[in-house]
Amino acid sequence: AKDAFAVVMTGETAKYGNIILKKGVTPC
């Protein structure tokens, strides 16, 4: 999860962050 999150942090955090939050797979 941390690896995927790191890749998301590249610049699509807003887009993927929203998708992750909607899917309910947030590592937070």
PDB file of N, CA and C in Angstrom:
ATOM      1  N   ALA A   1       0.854  -1.211   0.000  1.00  0.00           N
ATOM      2  CA  ALA A   1       0.000   0.000   0.000  1.00  0.00           C
ATOM      3  C   ALA A   1       0.876   1.242   0.000  1.00  0.00           C
ATOM      4  N   LYS A   2       1.983   1.183   0.717  1.00  0.00           N
ATOM      5  CA  LYS A   2       2.875   2.353   0.784  1.00  0.00           C
ATOM      6  C   LYS A   2       3.531   2.608  -0.569  1.00  0.00           C
ATOM      7  N   ASP A   3       3.888   1.534  -1.268  1.00  0.00           N
ATOM      8  CA  ASP A   3       4.507   1.701  -2.589  1.00  0.00           C
ATOM      9  C   ASP A   3       3.526   2.357  -3.547  1.00  0.00           C
ATOM     10  N   ALA A   4       2.303   1.860  -3.543  1.00  0.00           N
ATOM     11  CA  ALA A   4       1.280   2.415  -4.441  1.00  0.00           C
ATOM     12  C   ALA A   4       1.011   3.865  -4.075  1.00  0.00           C
ATOM     13  N   PHE A   5       0.955   4.135  -2.787  1.00  0.00           N
ATOM     14  CA  PHE A   5       0.689   5.499  -2.327  1.00  0.00           C
ATOM     15  C   PHE A   5       1.810   6.432  -2.759  1.00  0.00           C
ATOM     16  N   ALA A   6       3.045   5.931  -2.714  1.00  0.00           N
ATOM     17  CA  ALA A   6       4.196   6.737  -3.124  1.00  0.00           C
ATOM     18  C   ALA A   6       4.075   7.096  -4.595  1.00  0.00           C
ATOM     19  N   VAL A   7       3.647   6.135  -5.403  1.00  0.00           N
ATOM     20  CA  VAL A   7       3.484   6.376  -6.844  1.00  0.00           C
ATOM     21  C   VAL A   7       2.370   7.393  -7.071  1.00  0.00           C
ATOM     22  N   VAL A   8       1.336   7.311  -6.254  1.00  0.00           N
ATOM     23  CA  VAL A   8       0.215   8.247  -6.365  1.00  0.00           C
ATOM     24  C   VAL A   8       0.687   9.651  -6.014  1.00  0.00           C
ATOM     25  N   MET A   9       1.598   9.739  -5.043  1.00  0.00           N
ATOM     26  CA  MET A   9       2.095  11.038  -4.590  1.00  0.00           C
ATOM     27  C   MET A   9       2.867  11.767  -5.686  1.00  0.00           C
ATOM     28  N   THR A  10       3.173  11.067  -6.771  1.00  0.00           N
ATOM     29  CA  THR A  10       3.951  11.684  -7.848  1.00  0.00           C
ATOM     30  C   THR A  10       3.282  12.960  -8.316  1.00  0.00           C
ATOM     31  N   GLY A  11       1.972  12.939  -8.497  1.00  0.00           N
ATOM     32  CA  GLY A  11       1.301  14.157  -8.938  1.00  0.00           C
ATOM     33  C   GLY A  11      -0.191  13.947  -9.103  1.00  0.00           C
ATOM     34  N   GLU A  12      -0.631  12.690  -9.114  1.00  0.00           N
ATOM     35  CA  GLU A  12      -2.061  12.429  -9.282  1.00  0.00           C
ATOM     36  C   GLU A  12      -2.708  12.128  -7.933  1.00  0.00           C
ATOM     37  N   THR A  13      -2.176  12.767  -6.912  1.00  0.00           N
ATOM     38  CA  THR A  13      -2.707  12.529  -5.565  1.00  0.00           C
ATOM     39  C   THR A  13      -4.163  12.953  -5.481  1.00  0.00           C
ATOM     40  N   ALA A  14      -4.484  14.065  -6.118  1.00  0.00           N
ATOM     41  CA  ALA A  14      -5.856  14.574  -6.072  1.00  0.00           C
ATOM     42  C   ALA A  14      -6.803  13.599  -6.751  1.00  0.00           C
ATOM     43  N   LYS A  15      -6.427  13.145  -7.955  1.00  0.00           N
ATOM     44  CA  LYS A  15      -7.292  12.219  -8.708  1.00  0.00           C
ATOM     45  C   LYS A  15      -7.401  10.877  -7.996  1.00  0.00           C
ATOM     46  N   TYR A  16      -6.254  10.226  -7.791  1.00  0.00           N
ATOM     47  CA  TYR A  16      -6.271   8.904  -7.162  1.00  0.00           C
ATOM     48  C   TYR A  16      -6.747   8.984  -5.718  1.00  0.00           C
ATOM     49  N   GLY A  17      -6.396  10.081  -5.055  1.00  0.00           N
ATOM     50  CA  GLY A  17      -6.829  10.252  -3.666  1.00  0.00           C
ATOM     51  C   GLY A  17      -8.342  10.178  -3.573  1.00  0.00           C
ATOM     52  N   ASN A  18      -9.011  10.834  -4.519  1.00  0.00           N
ATOM     53  CA  ASN A  18     -10.473  10.816  -4.530  1.00  0.00           C
ATOM     54  C   ASN A  18     -10.988   9.413  -4.782  1.00  0.00           C
ATOM     55  N   ILE A  19     -10.364   8.714  -5.734  1.00  0.00           N
ATOM     56  CA  ILE A  19     -10.784   7.351  -6.074  1.00  0.00           C
ATOM     57  C   ILE A  19     -10.563   6.415  -4.885  1.00  0.00           C
ATOM     58  N   ILE A  20      -9.406   6.557  -4.257  1.00  0.00           N
ATOM     59  CA  ILE A  20      -9.088   5.698  -3.109  1.00  0.00           C
ATOM     60  C   ILE A  20     -10.090   5.946  -1.984  1.00  0.00           C
ATOM     61  N   LEU A  21     -10.388   7.225  -1.752  1.00  0.00           N
ATOM     62  CA  LEU A  21     -11.338   7.565  -0.692  1.00  0.00           C
ATOM     63  C   LEU A  21     -12.705   6.974  -1.002  1.00  0.00           C
ATOM     64  N   LYS A  22     -13.076   7.024  -2.276  1.00  0.00           N
ATOM     65  CA  LYS A  22     -14.384   6.491  -2.670  1.00  0.00           C
ATOM     66  C   LYS A  22     -14.401   4.972  -2.538  1.00  0.00           C
ATOM     67  N   LYS A  23     -13.294   4.334  -2.882  1.00  0.00           N
ATOM     68  CA  LYS A  23     -13.224   2.868  -2.801  1.00  0.00           C
ATOM     69  C   LYS A  23     -13.106   2.422  -1.346  1.00  0.00           C
ATOM     70  N   GLY A  24     -12.575   3.285  -0.509  1.00  0.00           N
ATOM     71  CA  GLY A  24     -12.441   2.937   0.903  1.00  0.00           C
ATOM     72  C   GLY A  24     -11.191   2.124   1.156  1.00  0.00           C
ATOM     73  N   VAL A  25     -10.132   2.410   0.386  1.00  0.00           N
ATOM     74  CA  VAL A  25      -8.883   1.663   0.559  1.00  0.00           C
ATOM     75  C   VAL A  25      -7.786   2.613   1.025  1.00  0.00           C
ATOM     76  N   THR A  26      -8.188   3.690   1.691  1.00  0.00           N
ATOM     77  CA  THR A  26      -7.211   4.685   2.118  1.00  0.00           C
ATOM     78  C   THR A  26      -6.268   4.086   3.164  1.00  0.00           C
ATOM     79  N   PRO A  27      -4.958   4.168   2.939  1.00  0.00           N
ATOM     80  CA  PRO A  27      -3.970   3.645   3.890  1.00  0.00           C
ATOM     81  C   PRO A  27      -3.924   4.459   5.170  1.00  0.00           C
ATOM     82  N   CYS A  28      -4.568   5.617   5.183  1.00  0.00           N
ATOM     83  CA  CYS A  28      -4.580   6.466   6.379  1.00  0.00           C
ATOM     84  C   CYS A  28      -5.334   5.755   7.496  1.00  0.00           C
TER      85      CYS A  28
END
